[in-house]
C-alpha atoms as a PDB file:
ATOM      1  CA  MET A   1     158.072  72.350 127.175  1.00  0.00           C
ATOM      2  CA  GLY A   2     161.245  71.132 125.882  1.00  0.00           C
ATOM      3  CA  ASN A   3     161.886  75.020 124.842  1.00  0.00           C
ATOM      4  CA  LEU A   4     162.266  76.508 128.186  1.00  0.00           C
ATOM      5  CA  ARG A   5     165.689  75.318 128.270  1.00  0.00           C
ATOM      6  CA  GLN A   6     167.243  78.068 131.510  1.00  0.00           C
ATOM      7  CA  LEU A   7     163.994  76.713 133.598  1.00  0.00           C
ATOM      8  CA  GLN A   8     165.887  74.993 137.121  1.00  0.00           C
ATOM      9  CA  SER A   9     163.229  74.088 138.977  1.00  0.00           C
ATOM     10  CA  LEU A  10     159.080  72.010 137.959  1.00  0.00           C
ATOM     11  CA  ASP A  11     156.601  71.598 140.432  1.00  0.00           C
ATOM     12  CA  VAL A  12     153.320  69.453 138.597  1.00  0.00           C
ATOM     13  CA  SER A  13     152.461  67.565 141.568  1.00  0.00           C
ATOM     14  CA  GLU A  14     148.991  67.028 142.178  1.00  0.00           C
ATOM     15  CA  ASN A  15     147.934  68.610 138.708  1.00  0.00           C
ATOM     16  CA  THR A  16     146.299  65.197 137.908  1.00  0.00           C
ATOM     17  CA  PRO A  17     148.478  65.540 134.102  1.00  0.00           C
ATOM     18  CA  SER A  18     147.687  61.682 132.250  1.00  0.00           C
ATOM     19  CA  GLY A  19     149.770  60.377 129.606  1.00  0.00           C
ATOM     20  CA  SER A  20     153.950  59.639 129.816  1.00  0.00           C
ATOM     21  CA  ILE A  21     156.542  61.720 130.494  1.00  0.00           C
ATOM     22  CA  PRO A  22     157.628  63.776 127.371  1.00  0.00           C
ATOM     23  CA  SER A  23     161.027  62.922 125.956  1.00  0.00           C
ATOM     24  CA  GLU A  24     161.528  66.723 125.458  1.00  0.00           C
ATOM     25  CA  ILE A  25     162.468  66.629 129.011  1.00  0.00           C
ATOM     26  CA  GLY A  26     165.560  65.941 128.470  1.00  0.00           C
ATOM     27  CA  ASN A  27     166.295  69.080 126.377  1.00  0.00           C
ATOM     28  CA  LEU A  28     165.162  71.417 129.915  1.00  0.00           C
ATOM     29  CA  ARG A  29     168.932  70.986 130.515  1.00  0.00           C
ATOM     30  CA  GLN A  30     169.421  73.637 133.707  1.00  0.00           C
ATOM     31  CA  LEU A  31     166.707  71.602 135.620  1.00  0.00           C
ATOM     32  CA  GLN A  32     167.439  70.966 139.172  1.00  0.00           C
ATOM     33  CA  SER A  33     164.590  69.360 140.489  1.00  0.00           C
ATOM     34  CA  LEU A  34     161.493  68.435 138.765  1.00  0.00           C
ATOM     35  CA  ASP A  35     158.135  67.197 140.842  1.00  0.00           C
ATOM     36  CA  VAL A  36     155.288  64.978 138.726  1.00  0.00           C
ATOM     37  CA  SER A  37     154.183  62.907 141.862  1.00  0.00           C
ATOM     38  CA  GLU A  38     150.679  62.018 142.834  1.00  0.00           C
ATOM     39  CA  ASN A  39     149.592  62.062 139.153  1.00  0.00           C
ATOM     40  CA  THR A  40     148.370  59.800 136.473  1.00  0.00           C
ATOM     41  CA  LEU A  41     151.498  59.020 134.611  1.00  0.00           C
ATOM     42  CA  SER A  42     152.443  55.832 133.292  1.00  0.00           C
ATOM     43  CA  GLY A  43     154.646  55.065 130.687  1.00  0.00           C
ATOM     44  CA  SER A  44     158.270  54.392 130.628  1.00  0.00           C
ATOM     45  CA  ILE A  45     160.794  57.050 131.873  1.00  0.00           C
ATOM     46  CA  PRO A  46     162.051  57.985 128.782  1.00  0.00           C
ATOM     47  CA  SER A  47     166.018  57.291 128.244  1.00  0.00           C
ATOM     48  CA  GLU A  48     166.253  61.542 127.537  1.00  0.00           C
ATOM     49  CA  ILE A  49     165.671  62.150 131.537  1.00  0.00           C
ATOM     50  CA  GLY A  50     169.546  60.864 131.597  1.00  0.00           C
ATOM     51  CA  ASN A  51     170.424  64.413 129.548  1.00  0.00           C
ATOM     52  CA  LEU A  52     169.922  66.418 132.886  1.00  0.00           C
ATOM     53  CA  GLN A  53     172.862  66.351 134.381  1.00  0.00           C
ATOM     54  CA  GLN A  54     172.070  69.008 137.122  1.00  0.00           C
ATOM     55  CA  LEU A  55     168.915  67.195 138.305  1.00  0.00           C
ATOM     56  CA  ALA A  56     169.494  66.779 142.363  1.00  0.00           C
ATOM     57  CA  ASP A  57     165.915  65.975 142.892  1.00  0.00           C
ATOM     58  CA  LEU A  58     163.486  63.907 141.051  1.00  0.00           C
ATOM     59  CA  GLU A  59     159.885  62.934 142.813  1.00  0.00           C
ATOM     60  CA  LEU A  60     158.063  60.525 141.202  1.00  0.00           C
ATOM     61  CA  TRP A  61     156.195  58.596 143.430  1.00  0.00           C
ATOM     62  CA  ASN A  62     152.096  58.008 142.923  1.00  0.00           C
ATOM     63  CA  ASN A  63     152.779  57.449 139.791  1.00  0.00           C
ATOM     64  CA  ALA A  64     152.519  54.355 137.219  1.00  0.00           C
ATOM     65  CA  VAL A  65     155.967  54.915 135.216  1.00  0.00           C
ATOM     66  CA  SER A  66     158.813  51.977 134.756  1.00  0.00           C
END
């Protein structure tokens, strides 16, 4: 996923991925919208998400992330 450097929008809501949000998410520098709502994600939100300076919309609800 970290190689998709020009990706602007990622919606994997309601797809039941599990586990944690990968730290490679921080490599998606052009990402403006990220929706991972209504899944079974858990764990901490990776600090690398702070690299996403273009991010305007972040949907994390209905997961067990902190």
